[in-house]
Amino acid sequence: MAQVLAGLHGAKTLLGSATPSMESLFNAKHGKYGFARLDVRHGDAVLPTIIRVDLNEAQKRKQMRGHFSKELLAGIEQALARKEQVIIFQNRRGYVPAWQCESCGWVPECEHCDVSLTYHKHDHGLRCHYCGRRYTPPVKCPACASNRLRMVGLGTEKVEEELALVLPEARGARMDQDTTRGKHAFERLLQRFGDGAIDILVGTQMVTKGLDFEQVTVIGIINADNLMRFPDLRAHERAFQLMAQVAGRSGRKKDPGQVYIQARDIHHPLIGLVAAHDVDGMYARELPLREAHGYPPYSRMVRLLLKHKDVARVDAAAHALAQDLRTRLGDRVLGPEPPTVARVRDKHLRAILLKLDRRRYQTEKAFLREVIDQLFADPKHRPVQLVVDVDPL
């Protein structure tokens, strides 16, 4: 949006990042953007040391306490002994992502969205993170009547609780959407952390960007595998950015910090690139894959999301739209497919992904607009809602 606004007013735009997107780096390296490379951290701070922890090995040797390895706990204890601060990153809020029946595998889902419910312990409720509805936790399985229900997964609320049990003397706090909803709650939490009233801050993506606290010397990434295993073309790019960004919260002054990355696939190339602070290596690894499949930055992507309460109606509109688009775009039209969450707020969703040629972008965009106008001129498709996302992230 900053670039669009600058274009309207003939202004210059300055983009700054230690982990630029593939598109920004591609534009910089091909002369579309000016490029000033900054290789020194502010104040000559030293990059943190990355310590990789193999969760498979730690569990085999019985060296885990809850979801914390002995290496991470030792690092936290040493930081606390030096009167320093710690940030723990877990990119999932709530207590646990799901309840599950041990007998039949049933998992409670939202009645209005195709997504499992997340348990929040502080209000003892199951909550849908898509529509916000709250449900009372079941006492027995509605599918097989078994009362053997267990909690599976890990959220920030549970991480905070485990830390309180393992390190009772430490003053902990949590930063996620649940704890920062109230007016000024976010600012008050950061103020307390900056004043040293909090020793350990547990959080989601909120803790990865923009925090500059000189007393933070230890960072823990609880489970890096979950960041990398995601059905999205930018999954590895985002995982690298998140891990590199949260690592950058450590050792902001003269003393180098320590970042503990816990994972089962600890030898994954992506973790190696994070450990080496190698942005160029990430770019070199990811770019050929994007080029081979015609993804950005070698194309412009448009995502069309169709919604309606009647599944037959949304299916008909989505297939008609895709068929019309294929007359010109051919196999650059992907879908229609149900997205990962195929129903939200009682509306069924169908997604179509388009790869538009950068050289003919304006022409193909005009064709897309024409096809959409023709489709929705038909009264039977008019009730279907269409959301167009250009350059989806």
Protein backbone atom coordinates (compact mmCIF):
# COMPACT_ATOMS: atom_id res chain seq x y z
CA MET A 1 0.00 0.00 0.00
CA ALA A 2 2.93 2.33 0.69
CA GLN A 3 4.19 1.74 -2.86
CA VAL A 4 0.73 2.37 -4.36
CA LEU A 5 0.38 5.60 -2.37
CA ALA A 6 3.89 6.72 -3.40
CA GLY A 7 3.04 5.99 -7.04
CA LEU A 8 -0.08 8.16 -6.86
CA HIS A 9 1.93 11.11 -5.51
CA GLY A 10 5.20 10.58 -7.39
CA ALA A 11 7.02 9.96 -4.11
CA LYS A 12 9.92 7.65 -3.28
CA THR A 13 9.47 4.54 -1.12
CA LEU A 14 12.12 3.16 1.21
CA LEU A 15 11.77 -0.53 2.10
CA GLY A 16 13.90 -1.79 4.97
CA SER A 17 14.26 -5.39 6.12
CA ALA A 18 16.86 -7.87 7.27
CA THR A 19 14.71 -10.58 5.65
CA PRO A 20 13.24 -9.08 2.44
CA SER A 21 10.63 -10.97 0.44
CA MET A 22 11.66 -12.95 -2.63
CA GLU A 23 9.95 -10.34 -4.81
CA SER A 24 11.73 -7.37 -3.19
CA LEU A 25 15.14 -9.03 -3.38
CA PHE A 26 14.50 -10.07 -6.99
CA ASN A 27 13.56 -6.48 -7.92
CA ALA A 28 16.63 -5.14 -6.11
CA LYS A 29 19.00 -7.56 -7.85
CA HIS A 30 17.46 -6.84 -11.28
CA GLY A 31 17.67 -3.06 -11.03
CA LYS A 32 13.98 -2.30 -10.51
CA TYR A 33 14.73 -1.13 -6.95
CA GLY A 34 17.76 0.73 -5.71
CA PHE A 35 19.69 -1.48 -3.30
CA ALA A 36 21.70 -0.51 -0.22
CA ARG A 37 23.05 -3.56 1.58
CA LEU A 38 23.50 -3.26 5.35
CA ASP A 39 25.86 -5.92 6.71
CA VAL A 40 26.39 -4.46 10.19
CA ARG A 41 23.81 -4.50 12.98
CA HIS A 42 22.91 -1.27 14.71
CA GLY A 43 25.49 -0.34 17.34
CA ASP A 44 27.87 -3.02 15.99
CA ALA A 45 25.87 -5.68 17.83
CA VAL A 46 27.10 -9.24 17.21
CA LEU A 47 24.77 -11.74 15.55
CA PRO A 48 23.40 -14.33 17.99
CA THR A 49 24.71 -17.89 18.24
CA ILE A 50 22.22 -20.44 16.88
CA ILE A 51 22.00 -23.71 18.86
CA ARG A 52 20.09 -26.52 17.15
CA VAL A 53 18.34 -29.02 19.42
CA ASP A 54 17.25 -32.42 18.06
CA LEU A 55 13.87 -33.20 19.66
CA ASN A 56 13.99 -36.85 18.54
CA GLU A 57 17.32 -37.37 20.30
CA ALA A 58 16.25 -35.42 23.39
CA GLN A 59 13.09 -37.50 23.81
CA LYS A 60 14.98 -40.74 23.23
CA ARG A 61 17.41 -39.80 26.00
CA LYS A 62 14.52 -38.60 28.22
CA GLN A 63 16.03 -35.12 28.39
CA MET A 64 12.76 -33.20 27.90
CA ARG A 65 10.77 -31.43 30.59
CA GLY A 66 7.40 -30.86 29.01
CA HIS A 67 8.20 -29.27 25.65
CA PHE A 68 11.55 -27.87 26.79
CA SER A 69 14.91 -29.52 26.08
CA LYS A 70 17.62 -29.52 28.73
CA GLU A 71 19.73 -27.22 26.50
CA LEU A 72 16.98 -24.59 26.24
CA LEU A 73 16.20 -24.77 29.98
CA ALA A 74 19.89 -24.43 30.83
CA GLY A 75 20.13 -21.37 28.58
CA ILE A 76 17.06 -19.81 30.22
CA GLU A 77 18.36 -20.47 33.73
CA GLN A 78 21.76 -18.94 32.91
CA ALA A 79 20.09 -15.83 31.45
CA LEU A 80 17.89 -15.44 34.54
CA ALA A 81 20.93 -15.84 36.79
CA ARG A 82 22.56 -12.94 34.90
CA LYS A 83 19.37 -10.85 35.36
CA GLU A 84 18.69 -11.00 31.62
CA GLN A 85 15.46 -11.66 29.72
CA VAL A 86 14.12 -14.46 27.52
CA ILE A 87 11.63 -14.68 24.63
CA ILE A 88 9.93 -17.98 23.78
CA PHE A 89 8.31 -18.21 20.34
CA GLN A 90 5.39 -20.58 19.64
CA ASN A 91 3.30 -19.66 16.63
CA ARG A 92 0.01 -20.99 18.00
CA ARG A 93 -2.16 -19.27 20.57
CA GLY A 94 -4.47 -20.99 23.04
CA TYR A 95 -3.74 -23.84 25.41
CA VAL A 96 -3.84 -26.75 22.97
CA PRO A 97 -4.90 -26.77 19.29
CA ALA A 98 -7.35 -29.67 19.76
CA TRP A 99 -9.05 -32.17 22.01
CA GLN A 100 -9.18 -35.72 20.69
CA CYS A 101 -10.96 -38.94 21.62
CA GLU A 102 -8.40 -41.66 22.35
CA SER A 103 -10.88 -44.38 21.32
CA CYS A 104 -12.09 -43.22 17.90
CA GLY A 105 -9.97 -40.15 17.08
CA TRP A 106 -12.91 -37.69 17.04
CA VAL A 107 -11.89 -34.01 17.25
CA PRO A 108 -14.42 -31.23 18.06
CA GLU A 109 -15.02 -28.83 15.18
CA CYS A 110 -16.84 -25.52 14.83
CA GLU A 111 -20.48 -25.90 13.79
CA HIS A 112 -20.12 -22.94 11.42
CA CYS A 113 -16.57 -23.42 10.04
CA ASP A 114 -14.63 -26.47 8.84
CA VAL A 115 -11.91 -26.11 11.44
CA SER A 116 -11.03 -27.81 14.71
CA LEU A 117 -11.59 -25.87 17.93
CA THR A 118 -8.75 -24.59 20.11
CA TYR A 119 -8.93 -25.07 23.88
CA HIS A 120 -8.29 -21.98 26.03
CA LYS A 121 -7.65 -22.93 29.64
CA HIS A 122 -8.08 -19.50 31.27
CA ASP A 123 -11.81 -19.47 30.39
CA HIS A 124 -12.17 -23.27 30.06
CA GLY A 125 -13.65 -23.02 26.60
CA LEU A 126 -13.19 -24.29 23.06
CA ARG A 127 -12.91 -21.44 20.59
CA CYS A 128 -13.02 -21.13 16.81
CA HIS A 129 -10.20 -18.88 15.63
CA TYR A 130 -12.10 -18.13 12.40
CA CYS A 131 -15.53 -16.97 13.53
CA GLY A 132 -14.79 -16.43 17.25
CA ARG A 133 -17.58 -18.67 18.58
CA ARG A 134 -17.05 -20.33 21.96
CA TYR A 135 -18.12 -23.86 22.93
CA THR A 136 -18.23 -25.75 26.22
CA PRO A 137 -15.66 -28.60 26.29
CA PRO A 138 -17.32 -32.05 26.02
CA VAL A 139 -17.11 -34.50 28.93
CA LYS A 140 -17.47 -37.51 26.62
CA CYS A 141 -17.04 -38.22 22.92
CA PRO A 142 -20.29 -37.63 20.97
CA ALA A 143 -19.19 -40.15 18.34
CA CYS A 144 -18.46 -43.22 20.52
CA ALA A 145 -19.48 -42.05 24.06
CA SER A 146 -15.94 -42.64 25.39
CA ASN A 147 -14.82 -40.36 28.24
CA ARG A 148 -11.16 -40.78 27.27
CA LEU A 149 -10.56 -37.33 25.81
CA ARG A 150 -7.01 -36.00 25.64
CA MET A 151 -5.45 -32.69 24.68
CA VAL A 152 -3.11 -32.71 21.68
CA GLY A 153 -0.75 -30.03 20.42
CA LEU A 154 0.77 -26.95 22.00
CA GLY A 155 -0.28 -23.31 22.25
CA THR A 156 1.21 -20.26 23.93
CA GLU A 157 -1.03 -20.64 26.99
CA LYS A 158 0.28 -24.14 27.65
CA VAL A 159 3.90 -23.04 27.08
CA GLU A 160 3.39 -20.31 29.69
CA GLU A 161 1.95 -22.84 32.15
CA GLU A 162 4.81 -25.33 31.61
CA LEU A 163 7.38 -22.60 32.21
CA ALA A 164 5.67 -21.65 35.49
CA LEU A 165 5.97 -25.27 36.64
CA VAL A 166 9.58 -25.75 35.53
CA LEU A 167 10.83 -22.30 36.58
CA PRO A 168 8.47 -21.14 39.35
CA GLU A 169 10.74 -18.26 40.40
CA ALA A 170 10.67 -16.68 36.91
CA ARG A 171 8.16 -13.93 36.16
CA GLY A 172 6.45 -14.93 32.91
CA ALA A 173 3.90 -13.30 30.61
CA ARG A 174 2.21 -14.11 27.32
CA MET A 175 1.83 -11.94 24.21
CA ASP A 176 -0.79 -13.07 21.70
CA GLN A 177 -4.20 -11.94 20.43
CA ASP A 178 -5.88 -13.14 23.63
CA THR A 179 -3.72 -11.10 26.02
CA THR A 180 -3.54 -7.92 23.91
CA ARG A 181 -7.22 -7.43 23.03
CA GLY A 182 -7.97 -4.69 25.57
CA LYS A 183 -7.26 -1.01 25.03
CA HIS A 184 -3.55 -0.27 25.59
CA ALA A 185 -2.96 -3.92 26.69
CA PHE A 186 -0.19 -4.33 24.09
CA GLU A 187 1.61 -1.15 25.18
CA ARG A 188 1.28 -2.01 28.88
CA LEU A 189 2.75 -5.47 28.30
CA LEU A 190 5.73 -4.07 26.38
CA GLN A 191 6.21 -1.40 29.06
CA ARG A 192 6.40 -4.05 31.78
CA PHE A 193 8.85 -6.10 29.72
CA GLY A 194 10.99 -3.03 29.01
CA ASP A 195 10.98 -2.12 32.71
CA GLY A 196 12.28 -5.59 33.62
CA ALA A 197 9.08 -6.66 35.42
CA ILE A 198 8.86 -9.74 33.16
CA ASP A 199 11.67 -12.29 32.86
CA ILE A 200 10.23 -14.55 30.16
CA LEU A 201 7.88 -13.42 27.38
CA VAL A 202 6.01 -16.20 25.54
CA GLY A 203 4.42 -15.17 22.27
CA THR A 204 3.28 -15.73 18.72
CA GLN A 205 4.38 -13.71 15.67
CA MET A 206 3.89 -10.57 17.76
CA VAL A 207 7.27 -11.15 19.43
CA THR A 208 9.21 -11.54 16.15
CA LYS A 209 9.17 -7.97 14.85
CA GLY A 210 10.15 -4.57 16.10
CA LEU A 211 11.06 -5.38 19.70
CA ASP A 212 14.35 -3.85 20.81
CA PHE A 213 15.18 -4.75 24.42
CA GLU A 214 18.86 -4.85 25.29
CA GLN A 215 18.35 -7.28 28.20
CA VAL A 216 16.98 -10.05 25.89
CA THR A 217 19.81 -12.54 25.37
CA VAL A 218 18.07 -15.91 24.98
CA ILE A 219 15.43 -16.88 22.39
CA GLY A 220 13.68 -20.26 22.27
CA ILE A 221 11.83 -21.55 19.19
CA ILE A 222 9.76 -24.42 20.58
CA ASN A 223 8.99 -26.36 17.39
CA ALA A 224 10.48 -25.21 14.09
CA ASP A 225 8.93 -28.13 12.16
CA ASN A 226 5.44 -26.62 12.44
CA LEU A 227 6.62 -23.44 10.71
CA MET A 228 8.07 -25.31 7.72
CA ARG A 229 5.28 -27.86 7.17
CA PHE A 230 2.56 -25.68 5.72
CA PRO A 231 0.67 -26.04 2.39
CA ASP A 232 1.68 -22.72 0.89
CA LEU A 233 4.18 -21.67 -1.77
CA ARG A 234 5.73 -19.18 0.67
CA ALA A 235 5.93 -21.63 3.59
CA HIS A 236 9.74 -21.88 3.58
CA GLU A 237 10.19 -18.17 2.92
CA ARG A 238 7.91 -17.28 5.85
CA ALA A 239 9.49 -19.86 8.15
CA PHE A 240 12.96 -18.48 7.39
CA GLN A 241 11.78 -14.91 7.96
CA LEU A 242 10.03 -15.71 11.24
CA MET A 243 12.98 -17.65 12.67
CA ALA A 244 15.50 -15.03 11.52
CA GLN A 245 13.35 -12.19 12.84
CA VAL A 246 12.77 -13.71 16.28
CA ALA A 247 16.50 -14.57 16.44
CA GLY A 248 17.18 -10.89 15.79
CA ARG A 249 15.47 -9.95 19.09
CA SER A 250 18.46 -11.46 20.90
CA GLY A 251 21.77 -9.78 21.70
CA ARG A 252 20.73 -6.30 20.53
CA LYS A 253 23.76 -4.68 22.17
CA LYS A 254 27.39 -5.75 22.52
CA ASP A 255 26.87 -9.23 23.99
CA PRO A 256 25.88 -11.89 21.41
CA GLY A 257 22.67 -13.67 22.30
CA GLN A 258 21.74 -17.33 22.01
CA VAL A 259 18.90 -18.76 19.95
CA TYR A 260 17.74 -22.32 20.62
CA ILE A 261 15.88 -23.90 17.68
CA GLN A 262 14.09 -27.11 18.67
CA ALA A 263 13.01 -29.38 15.80
CA ARG A 264 12.67 -33.02 14.80
CA ASP A 265 14.08 -32.39 11.32
CA ILE A 266 16.98 -30.43 12.76
CA HIS A 267 19.15 -30.97 9.65
CA HIS A 268 16.61 -29.37 7.31
CA PRO A 269 18.44 -26.97 4.92
CA LEU A 270 16.18 -24.12 6.02
CA ILE A 271 17.34 -24.36 9.64
CA GLY A 272 20.91 -24.45 8.39
CA LEU A 273 20.33 -21.18 6.52
CA VAL A 274 18.84 -19.57 9.63
CA ALA A 275 21.81 -20.77 11.69
CA ALA A 276 24.20 -19.21 9.15
CA HIS A 277 22.14 -15.97 8.95
CA ASP A 278 22.27 -16.57 5.17
CA VAL A 279 19.59 -14.51 3.41
CA ASP A 280 21.36 -14.84 0.04
CA GLY A 281 21.50 -18.63 0.47
CA MET A 282 17.76 -18.72 1.12
CA TYR A 283 17.18 -16.63 -2.00
CA ALA A 284 19.42 -18.91 -4.11
CA ARG A 285 17.65 -22.03 -2.82
CA GLU A 286 14.09 -20.78 -3.26
CA LEU A 287 14.29 -18.88 -6.53
CA PRO A 288 14.90 -21.83 -8.95
CA LEU A 289 11.88 -23.62 -7.44
CA ARG A 290 9.69 -20.55 -8.03
CA GLU A 291 10.96 -20.23 -11.61
CA ALA A 292 10.36 -23.93 -12.39
CA HIS A 293 6.70 -23.68 -11.36
CA GLY A 294 5.99 -20.16 -12.61
CA TYR A 295 5.38 -18.62 -9.20
CA PRO A 296 6.26 -15.05 -8.07
CA PRO A 297 8.54 -13.23 -8.67
CA TYR A 298 8.31 -14.77 -12.18
CA SER A 299 4.57 -14.13 -12.36
CA ARG A 300 1.88 -12.03 -10.71
CA MET A 301 -0.63 -14.04 -8.74
CA VAL A 302 -4.33 -13.35 -8.22
CA ARG A 303 -6.48 -15.38 -5.82
CA LEU A 304 -10.21 -15.53 -6.42
CA LEU A 305 -12.27 -16.69 -3.44
CA LEU A 306 -15.95 -17.46 -4.00
CA LYS A 307 -18.39 -17.76 -1.05
CA HIS A 308 -21.99 -18.88 -0.62
CA LYS A 309 -24.08 -20.84 1.89
CA ASP A 310 -25.23 -23.21 -0.87
CA VAL A 311 -22.33 -25.51 -1.79
CA ALA A 312 -23.84 -26.42 -5.19
CA ARG A 313 -24.20 -22.77 -6.12
CA VAL A 314 -20.64 -21.81 -5.18
CA ASP A 315 -19.31 -24.90 -6.99
CA ALA A 316 -21.21 -24.01 -10.18
CA ALA A 317 -19.99 -20.39 -10.15
CA ALA A 318 -16.38 -21.40 -9.41
CA HIS A 319 -16.27 -24.00 -12.20
CA ALA A 320 -17.88 -21.62 -14.70
CA LEU A 321 -15.38 -18.88 -13.80
CA ALA A 322 -12.38 -21.22 -14.06
CA GLN A 323 -13.59 -22.60 -17.40
CA ASP A 324 -13.95 -19.09 -18.88
CA LEU A 325 -10.51 -18.07 -17.61
CA ARG A 326 -8.86 -21.17 -19.11
CA THR A 327 -9.90 -20.12 -22.63
CA ARG A 328 -7.02 -17.65 -22.52
CA LEU A 329 -4.84 -18.49 -19.51
CA GLY A 330 -4.83 -22.30 -19.93
CA ASP A 331 -2.92 -24.22 -17.25
CA ARG A 332 -2.06 -20.98 -15.46
CA VAL A 333 -5.49 -21.31 -13.85
CA LEU A 334 -5.29 -23.53 -10.74
CA GLY A 335 -8.53 -24.82 -9.23
CA PRO A 336 -11.23 -24.34 -8.26
CA GLU A 337 -10.41 -26.12 -5.01
CA PRO A 338 -11.73 -25.96 -1.45
CA PRO A 339 -9.11 -24.03 0.60
CA THR A 340 -7.57 -25.52 3.76
CA VAL A 341 -10.58 -24.26 5.71
CA ALA A 342 -13.42 -24.83 3.26
CA ARG A 343 -16.29 -23.31 5.27
CA VAL A 344 -16.26 -20.15 7.40
CA ARG A 345 -19.31 -18.58 9.10
CA ASP A 346 -21.59 -21.08 7.32
CA LYS A 347 -20.33 -20.05 3.89
CA HIS A 348 -18.69 -22.63 1.62
CA LEU A 349 -15.47 -21.43 -0.02
CA ARG A 350 -13.84 -22.25 -3.36
CA ALA A 351 -10.48 -20.82 -4.41
CA ILE A 352 -9.03 -20.20 -7.88
CA LEU A 353 -5.37 -19.21 -8.23
CA LEU A 354 -4.15 -17.39 -11.35
CA LYS A 355 -0.56 -16.90 -12.52
CA LEU A 356 -0.53 -13.80 -14.71
CA ASP A 357 2.31 -13.04 -17.12
CA ARG A 358 4.29 -10.04 -15.86
CA ARG A 359 4.92 -8.85 -19.45
CA ARG A 360 1.19 -8.89 -20.28
CA TYR A 361 -0.11 -8.13 -16.82
CA GLN A 362 -2.37 -5.18 -17.66
CA THR A 363 -3.90 -7.00 -20.65
CA GLU A 364 -4.54 -10.18 -18.67
CA LYS A 365 -5.92 -8.20 -15.74
CA ALA A 366 -8.38 -6.50 -18.10
CA PHE A 367 -9.39 -9.95 -19.42
CA LEU A 368 -9.94 -11.15 -15.84
CA ARG A 369 -12.18 -8.15 -15.10
CA GLU A 370 -14.18 -8.80 -18.27
CA VAL A 371 -14.70 -12.50 -17.43
CA ILE A 372 -15.80 -11.66 -13.87
CA ASP A 373 -18.29 -9.04 -15.14
CA GLN A 374 -19.75 -11.53 -17.65
CA LEU A 375 -20.10 -14.28 -15.05
CA PHE A 376 -21.91 -12.11 -12.51
CA ALA A 377 -24.20 -10.66 -15.15
CA ASP A 378 -25.86 -14.08 -15.05
CA PRO A 379 -28.64 -13.95 -12.39
CA LYS A 380 -27.91 -17.51 -11.15
CA HIS A 381 -24.31 -16.56 -10.18
CA ARG A 382 -25.06 -13.06 -8.86
CA PRO A 383 -25.71 -14.12 -5.21
CA VAL A 384 -22.22 -15.68 -4.93
CA GLN A 385 -19.73 -13.42 -3.16
CA LEU A 386 -16.33 -12.94 -4.82
CA VAL A 387 -13.18 -11.71 -3.06
CA VAL A 388 -10.25 -10.83 -5.35
CA ASP A 389 -6.79 -10.80 -3.75
CA VAL A 390 -4.03 -9.46 -6.04
CA ASP A 391 -0.52 -10.59 -5.02
CA PRO A 392 -1.84 -12.68 -2.10
CA LEU A 393 0.50 -13.19 0.85
